All heavy atoms as atom14 arrays in JSON, in Angstrom:
{
  "sequence": "GKQRESVASITDGGITNYADSVKGRFAISRD",
  "atom14_mask": [
    [1, 1, 1, 1, 0, 0, 0, 0, 0, 0, 0, 0, 0, 0],
    [1, 1, 1, 1, 1, 1, 1, 1, 1, 0, 0, 0, 0, 0],
    [1, 1, 1, 1, 1, 1, 1, 1, 1, 0, 0, 0, 0, 0],
    [1, 1, 1, 1, 1, 1, 1, 1, 1, 1, 1, 0, 0, 0],
    [1, 1, 1, 1, 1, 1, 1, 1, 1, 0, 0, 0, 0, 0],
    [1, 1, 1, 1, 1, 1, 0, 0, 0, 0, 0, 0, 0, 0],
    [1, 1, 1, 1, 1, 1, 1, 0, 0, 0, 0, 0, 0, 0],
    [1, 1, 1, 1, 1, 0, 0, 0, 0, 0, 0, 0, 0, 0],
    [1, 1, 1, 1, 1, 1, 0, 0, 0, 0, 0, 0, 0, 0],
    [1, 1, 1, 1, 1, 1, 1, 1, 0, 0, 0, 0, 0, 0],
    [1, 1, 1, 1, 1, 1, 1, 0, 0, 0, 0, 0, 0, 0],
    [1, 1, 1, 1, 1, 1, 1, 1, 0, 0, 0, 0, 0, 0],
    [1, 1, 1, 1, 0, 0, 0, 0, 0, 0, 0, 0, 0, 0],
    [1, 1, 1, 1, 0, 0, 0, 0, 0, 0, 0, 0, 0, 0],
    [1, 1, 1, 1, 1, 1, 1, 1, 0, 0, 0, 0, 0, 0],
    [1, 1, 1, 1, 1, 1, 1, 0, 0, 0, 0, 0, 0, 0],
    [1, 1, 1, 1, 1, 1, 1, 1, 0, 0, 0, 0, 0, 0],
    [1, 1, 1, 1, 1, 1, 1, 1, 1, 1, 1, 1, 0, 0],
    [1, 1, 1, 1, 1, 0, 0, 0, 0, 0, 0, 0, 0, 0],
    [1, 1, 1, 1, 1, 1, 1, 1, 0, 0, 0, 0, 0, 0],
    [1, 1, 1, 1, 1, 1, 0, 0, 0, 0, 0, 0, 0, 0],
    [1, 1, 1, 1, 1, 1, 1, 0, 0, 0, 0, 0, 0, 0],
    [1, 1, 1, 1, 1, 1, 1, 1, 1, 0, 0, 0, 0, 0],
    [1, 1, 1, 1, 0, 0, 0, 0, 0, 0, 0, 0, 0, 0],
    [1, 1, 1, 1, 1, 1, 1, 1, 1, 1, 1, 0, 0, 0],
    [1, 1, 1, 1, 1, 1, 1, 1, 1, 1, 1, 0, 0, 0],
    [1, 1, 1, 1, 1, 0, 0, 0, 0, 0, 0, 0, 0, 0],
    [1, 1, 1, 1, 1, 1, 1, 1, 0, 0, 0, 0, 0, 0],
    [1, 1, 1, 1, 1, 1, 0, 0, 0, 0, 0, 0, 0, 0],
    [1, 1, 1, 1, 1, 1, 1, 1, 1, 1, 1, 0, 0, 0],
    [1, 1, 1, 1, 1, 1, 1, 1, 0, 0, 0, 0, 0, 0]
  ],
  "atom14_positions": [
    [[106.76, 72.96, 103.72], [106.83, 72.73, 102.3], [106.46, 73.9, 101.43], [106.44, 73.76, 100.2], [0.0, 0.0, 0.0], [0.0, 0.0, 0.0], [0.0, 0.0, 0.0], [0.0, 0.0, 0.0], [0.0, 0.0, 0.0], [0.0, 0.0, 0.0], [0.0, 0.0, 0.0], [0.0, 0.0, 0.0], [0.0, 0.0, 0.0], [0.0, 0.0, 0.0]],
    [[106.18, 75.05, 102.03], [105.81, 76.23, 101.27], [106.75, 77.39, 101.58], [107.43, 77.41, 102.6], [104.36, 76.63, 101.56], [103.34, 75.6, 101.12], [101.93, 76.12, 101.29], [100.91, 75.12, 100.78], [99.52, 75.63, 100.92], [0.0, 0.0, 0.0], [0.0, 0.0, 0.0], [0.0, 0.0, 0.0], [0.0, 0.0, 0.0], [0.0, 0.0, 0.0]],
    [[106.75, 78.37, 100.68], [107.58, 79.55, 100.86], [106.95, 80.5, 101.88], [105.74, 80.52, 102.07], [107.78, 80.28, 99.53], [108.59, 79.5, 98.5], [108.84, 80.3, 97.25], [108.03, 81.15, 96.88], [109.95, 80.03, 96.59], [0.0, 0.0, 0.0], [0.0, 0.0, 0.0], [0.0, 0.0, 0.0], [0.0, 0.0, 0.0], [0.0, 0.0, 0.0]],
    [[107.81, 81.28, 102.52], [107.32, 82.29, 103.43], [106.58, 83.37, 102.66], [107.01, 83.81, 101.59], [108.49, 82.89, 104.21], [108.07, 83.85, 105.31], [109.27, 84.28, 106.16], [109.89, 83.15, 106.83], [110.89, 83.26, 107.7], [111.37, 84.45, 108.02], [111.41, 82.17, 108.25], [0.0, 0.0, 0.0], [0.0, 0.0, 0.0], [0.0, 0.0, 0.0]],
    [[105.44, 83.82, 103.2], [104.63, 84.81, 102.53], [104.26, 85.93, 103.48], [104.13, 85.74, 104.69], [103.36, 84.18, 101.95], [102.43, 83.59, 102.99], [101.14, 83.06, 102.4], [100.89, 83.27, 101.21], [100.37, 82.4, 103.15], [0.0, 0.0, 0.0], [0.0, 0.0, 0.0], [0.0, 0.0, 0.0], [0.0, 0.0, 0.0], [0.0, 0.0, 0.0]],
    [[104.05, 87.1, 102.91], [103.62, 88.24, 103.68], [102.14, 88.13, 104.01], [101.33, 87.77, 103.16], [103.88, 89.54, 102.91], [103.39, 90.66, 103.6], [0.0, 0.0, 0.0], [0.0, 0.0, 0.0], [0.0, 0.0, 0.0], [0.0, 0.0, 0.0], [0.0, 0.0, 0.0], [0.0, 0.0, 0.0], [0.0, 0.0, 0.0], [0.0, 0.0, 0.0]],
    [[101.79, 88.45, 105.26], [100.41, 88.4, 105.72], [99.83, 89.8, 105.85], [98.75, 90.09, 105.33], [100.29, 87.67, 107.06], [98.86, 87.69, 107.57], [100.79, 86.23, 106.92], [0.0, 0.0, 0.0], [0.0, 0.0, 0.0], [0.0, 0.0, 0.0], [0.0, 0.0, 0.0], [0.0, 0.0, 0.0], [0.0, 0.0, 0.0], [0.0, 0.0, 0.0]],
    [[100.53, 90.68, 106.55], [100.05, 92.03, 106.77], [101.21, 92.91, 107.21], [102.2, 92.43, 107.74], [98.94, 92.06, 107.83], [0.0, 0.0, 0.0], [0.0, 0.0, 0.0], [0.0, 0.0, 0.0], [0.0, 0.0, 0.0], [0.0, 0.0, 0.0], [0.0, 0.0, 0.0], [0.0, 0.0, 0.0], [0.0, 0.0, 0.0], [0.0, 0.0, 0.0]],
    [[101.07, 94.21, 106.99], [102.07, 95.17, 107.42], [101.4, 96.46, 107.83], [100.26, 96.74, 107.43], [103.12, 95.42, 106.33], [102.52, 96.04, 105.2], [0.0, 0.0, 0.0], [0.0, 0.0, 0.0], [0.0, 0.0, 0.0], [0.0, 0.0, 0.0], [0.0, 0.0, 0.0], [0.0, 0.0, 0.0], [0.0, 0.0, 0.0], [0.0, 0.0, 0.0]],
    [[102.13, 97.26, 108.61], [101.6, 98.54, 109.06], [102.75, 99.51, 109.24], [103.81, 99.16, 109.77], [100.78, 98.38, 110.36], [100.15, 99.71, 110.76], [101.63, 97.8, 111.48], [99.11, 99.57, 111.87], [0.0, 0.0, 0.0], [0.0, 0.0, 0.0], [0.0, 0.0, 0.0], [0.0, 0.0, 0.0], [0.0, 0.0, 0.0], [0.0, 0.0, 0.0]],
    [[102.57, 100.75, 108.78], [103.58, 101.78, 108.95], [103.41, 102.48, 110.28], [102.4, 102.29, 110.98], [103.49, 102.82, 107.82], [102.3, 103.61, 108.0], [103.46, 102.16, 106.45], [0.0, 0.0, 0.0], [0.0, 0.0, 0.0], [0.0, 0.0, 0.0], [0.0, 0.0, 0.0], [0.0, 0.0, 0.0], [0.0, 0.0, 0.0], [0.0, 0.0, 0.0]],
    [[104.4, 103.3, 110.64], [104.29, 104.04, 111.9], [103.19, 105.09, 111.83], [102.79, 105.62, 112.86], [105.62, 104.68, 112.28], [106.22, 105.55, 111.18], [105.58, 105.73, 110.13], [107.35, 106.04, 111.39], [0.0, 0.0, 0.0], [0.0, 0.0, 0.0], [0.0, 0.0, 0.0], [0.0, 0.0, 0.0], [0.0, 0.0, 0.0], [0.0, 0.0, 0.0]],
    [[102.71, 105.39, 110.63], [101.59, 106.29, 110.45], [100.24, 105.6, 110.38], [99.21, 106.28, 110.21], [0.0, 0.0, 0.0], [0.0, 0.0, 0.0], [0.0, 0.0, 0.0], [0.0, 0.0, 0.0], [0.0, 0.0, 0.0], [0.0, 0.0, 0.0], [0.0, 0.0, 0.0], [0.0, 0.0, 0.0], [0.0, 0.0, 0.0], [0.0, 0.0, 0.0]],
    [[100.22, 104.28, 110.49], [98.97, 103.54, 110.53], [98.46, 103.03, 109.19], [97.34, 102.53, 109.1], [0.0, 0.0, 0.0], [0.0, 0.0, 0.0], [0.0, 0.0, 0.0], [0.0, 0.0, 0.0], [0.0, 0.0, 0.0], [0.0, 0.0, 0.0], [0.0, 0.0, 0.0], [0.0, 0.0, 0.0], [0.0, 0.0, 0.0], [0.0, 0.0, 0.0]],
    [[99.26, 103.15, 108.13], [98.86, 102.62, 106.83], [99.05, 101.11, 106.82], [100.13, 100.62, 107.13], [99.66, 103.28, 105.7], [99.44, 104.79, 105.71], [99.28, 102.69, 104.35], [100.31, 105.54, 104.73], [0.0, 0.0, 0.0], [0.0, 0.0, 0.0], [0.0, 0.0, 0.0], [0.0, 0.0, 0.0], [0.0, 0.0, 0.0], [0.0, 0.0, 0.0]],
    [[98.01, 100.38, 106.45], [98.03, 98.92, 106.5], [97.97, 98.31, 105.11], [97.48, 98.91, 104.15], [96.87, 98.38, 107.33], [95.62, 98.81, 106.75], [96.94, 98.88, 108.76], [0.0, 0.0, 0.0], [0.0, 0.0, 0.0], [0.0, 0.0, 0.0], [0.0, 0.0, 0.0], [0.0, 0.0, 0.0], [0.0, 0.0, 0.0], [0.0, 0.0, 0.0]],
    [[98.45, 97.07, 105.03], [98.39, 96.29, 103.81], [98.17, 94.83, 104.19], [98.78, 94.35, 105.15], [99.66, 96.45, 102.99], [99.56, 95.78, 101.64], [98.7, 96.12, 100.84], [100.45, 94.83, 101.37], [0.0, 0.0, 0.0], [0.0, 0.0, 0.0], [0.0, 0.0, 0.0], [0.0, 0.0, 0.0], [0.0, 0.0, 0.0], [0.0, 0.0, 0.0]],
    [[97.31, 94.13, 103.44], [96.98, 92.75, 103.75], [97.08, 91.87, 102.52], [96.79, 92.3, 101.4], [95.54, 92.64, 104.29], [95.3, 93.35, 105.59], [94.82, 94.66, 105.61], [95.54, 92.71, 106.8], [94.6, 95.31, 106.8], [95.31, 93.36, 108.0], [94.84, 94.66, 108.0], [94.61, 95.3, 109.19], [0.0, 0.0, 0.0], [0.0, 0.0, 0.0]],
    [[97.47, 90.63, 102.74], [97.39, 89.64, 101.69], [95.93, 89.37, 101.36], [95.06, 89.43, 102.23], [98.08, 88.34, 102.12], [0.0, 0.0, 0.0], [0.0, 0.0, 0.0], [0.0, 0.0, 0.0], [0.0, 0.0, 0.0], [0.0, 0.0, 0.0], [0.0, 0.0, 0.0], [0.0, 0.0, 0.0], [0.0, 0.0, 0.0], [0.0, 0.0, 0.0]],
    [[95.65, 89.07, 100.1], [94.27, 88.82, 99.68], [93.63, 87.69, 100.48], [92.42, 87.71, 100.75], [94.21, 88.49, 98.19], [94.49, 89.69, 97.31], [94.37, 90.83, 97.79], [94.82, 89.48, 96.13], [0.0, 0.0, 0.0], [0.0, 0.0, 0.0], [0.0, 0.0, 0.0], [0.0, 0.0, 0.0], [0.0, 0.0, 0.0], [0.0, 0.0, 0.0]],
    [[94.41, 86.71, 100.86], [93.89, 85.55, 101.55], [93.38, 85.83, 102.96], [92.64, 85.02, 103.53], [94.95, 84.44, 101.61], [96.1, 84.89, 102.3], [0.0, 0.0, 0.0], [0.0, 0.0, 0.0], [0.0, 0.0, 0.0], [0.0, 0.0, 0.0], [0.0, 0.0, 0.0], [0.0, 0.0, 0.0], [0.0, 0.0, 0.0], [0.0, 0.0, 0.0]],
    [[93.76, 86.98, 103.54], [93.37, 87.29, 104.91], [92.52, 88.55, 105.02], [92.08, 88.89, 106.12], [94.58, 87.41, 105.84], [95.45, 86.16, 105.75], [95.4, 88.65, 105.51], [0.0, 0.0, 0.0], [0.0, 0.0, 0.0], [0.0, 0.0, 0.0], [0.0, 0.0, 0.0], [0.0, 0.0, 0.0], [0.0, 0.0, 0.0], [0.0, 0.0, 0.0]],
    [[92.28, 89.22, 103.92], [91.48, 90.44, 103.95], [90.08, 90.17, 104.51], [89.43, 89.21, 104.14], [91.37, 91.05, 102.55], [92.64, 91.7, 102.06], [92.46, 92.31, 100.68], [93.72, 92.99, 100.2], [93.57, 93.54, 98.83], [0.0, 0.0, 0.0], [0.0, 0.0, 0.0], [0.0, 0.0, 0.0], [0.0, 0.0, 0.0], [0.0, 0.0, 0.0]],
    [[89.65, 91.03, 105.42], [88.36, 90.87, 106.04], [88.35, 89.96, 107.24], [87.35, 89.91, 107.97], [0.0, 0.0, 0.0], [0.0, 0.0, 0.0], [0.0, 0.0, 0.0], [0.0, 0.0, 0.0], [0.0, 0.0, 0.0], [0.0, 0.0, 0.0], [0.0, 0.0, 0.0], [0.0, 0.0, 0.0], [0.0, 0.0, 0.0], [0.0, 0.0, 0.0]],
    [[89.45, 89.24, 107.47], [89.53, 88.32, 108.6], [90.59, 88.73, 109.62], [90.4, 88.52, 110.82], [89.84, 86.9, 108.11], [88.78, 86.34, 107.16], [89.02, 84.85, 106.88], [90.29, 84.61, 106.22], [91.27, 83.85, 106.72], [91.11, 83.25, 107.89], [92.39, 83.68, 106.03], [0.0, 0.0, 0.0], [0.0, 0.0, 0.0], [0.0, 0.0, 0.0]],
    [[91.7, 89.28, 109.15], [92.8, 89.67, 110.03], [92.86, 91.18, 110.14], [92.48, 91.91, 109.21], [94.14, 89.17, 109.5], [94.32, 87.68, 109.52], [93.29, 86.82, 109.86], [95.55, 87.13, 109.2], [93.46, 85.44, 109.88], [95.74, 85.76, 109.21], [94.7, 84.91, 109.55], [0.0, 0.0, 0.0], [0.0, 0.0, 0.0], [0.0, 0.0, 0.0]],
    [[93.38, 91.67, 111.26], [93.58, 93.1, 111.46], [94.91, 93.33, 112.16], [95.19, 92.68, 113.17], [92.44, 93.7, 112.27], [0.0, 0.0, 0.0], [0.0, 0.0, 0.0], [0.0, 0.0, 0.0], [0.0, 0.0, 0.0], [0.0, 0.0, 0.0], [0.0, 0.0, 0.0], [0.0, 0.0, 0.0], [0.0, 0.0, 0.0], [0.0, 0.0, 0.0]],
    [[95.71, 94.23, 111.63], [97.0, 94.54, 112.2], [96.96, 95.93, 112.85], [96.29, 96.83, 112.35], [98.12, 94.47, 111.13], [99.5, 94.56, 111.77], [97.93, 95.53, 110.06], [100.63, 94.23, 110.8], [0.0, 0.0, 0.0], [0.0, 0.0, 0.0], [0.0, 0.0, 0.0], [0.0, 0.0, 0.0], [0.0, 0.0, 0.0], [0.0, 0.0, 0.0]],
    [[97.65, 96.08, 113.97], [97.68, 97.35, 114.67], [98.99, 97.49, 115.43], [99.72, 96.52, 115.64], [96.49, 97.48, 115.62], [96.52, 96.46, 116.61], [0.0, 0.0, 0.0], [0.0, 0.0, 0.0], [0.0, 0.0, 0.0], [0.0, 0.0, 0.0], [0.0, 0.0, 0.0], [0.0, 0.0, 0.0], [0.0, 0.0, 0.0], [0.0, 0.0, 0.0]],
    [[99.29, 98.74, 115.86], [100.48, 99.02, 116.66], [100.06, 99.74, 117.93], [99.05, 100.45, 117.96], [101.47, 99.89, 115.87], [102.0, 99.22, 114.63], [102.87, 100.14, 113.8], [104.12, 100.5, 114.47], [105.24, 100.83, 113.82], [105.26, 100.83, 112.5], [106.32, 101.16, 114.51], [0.0, 0.0, 0.0], [0.0, 0.0, 0.0], [0.0, 0.0, 0.0]],
    [[100.86, 99.56, 118.99], [100.55, 100.25, 120.23], [101.04, 101.7, 120.18], [101.73, 102.11, 119.23], [101.12, 99.49, 121.43], [102.62, 99.55, 121.54], [103.28, 100.23, 120.72], [103.16, 98.89, 122.44], [0.0, 0.0, 0.0], [0.0, 0.0, 0.0], [0.0, 0.0, 0.0], [0.0, 0.0, 0.0], [0.0, 0.0, 0.0], [0.0, 0.0, 0.0]]
  ]
}
């Protein structure tokens, strides 16, 4: 019943971005 929303993203250089709702709780990384 809700729209799709962005949670987190990461560039190939390691720059990250998080939704306010998950900041401090989620962590994104790449191998």
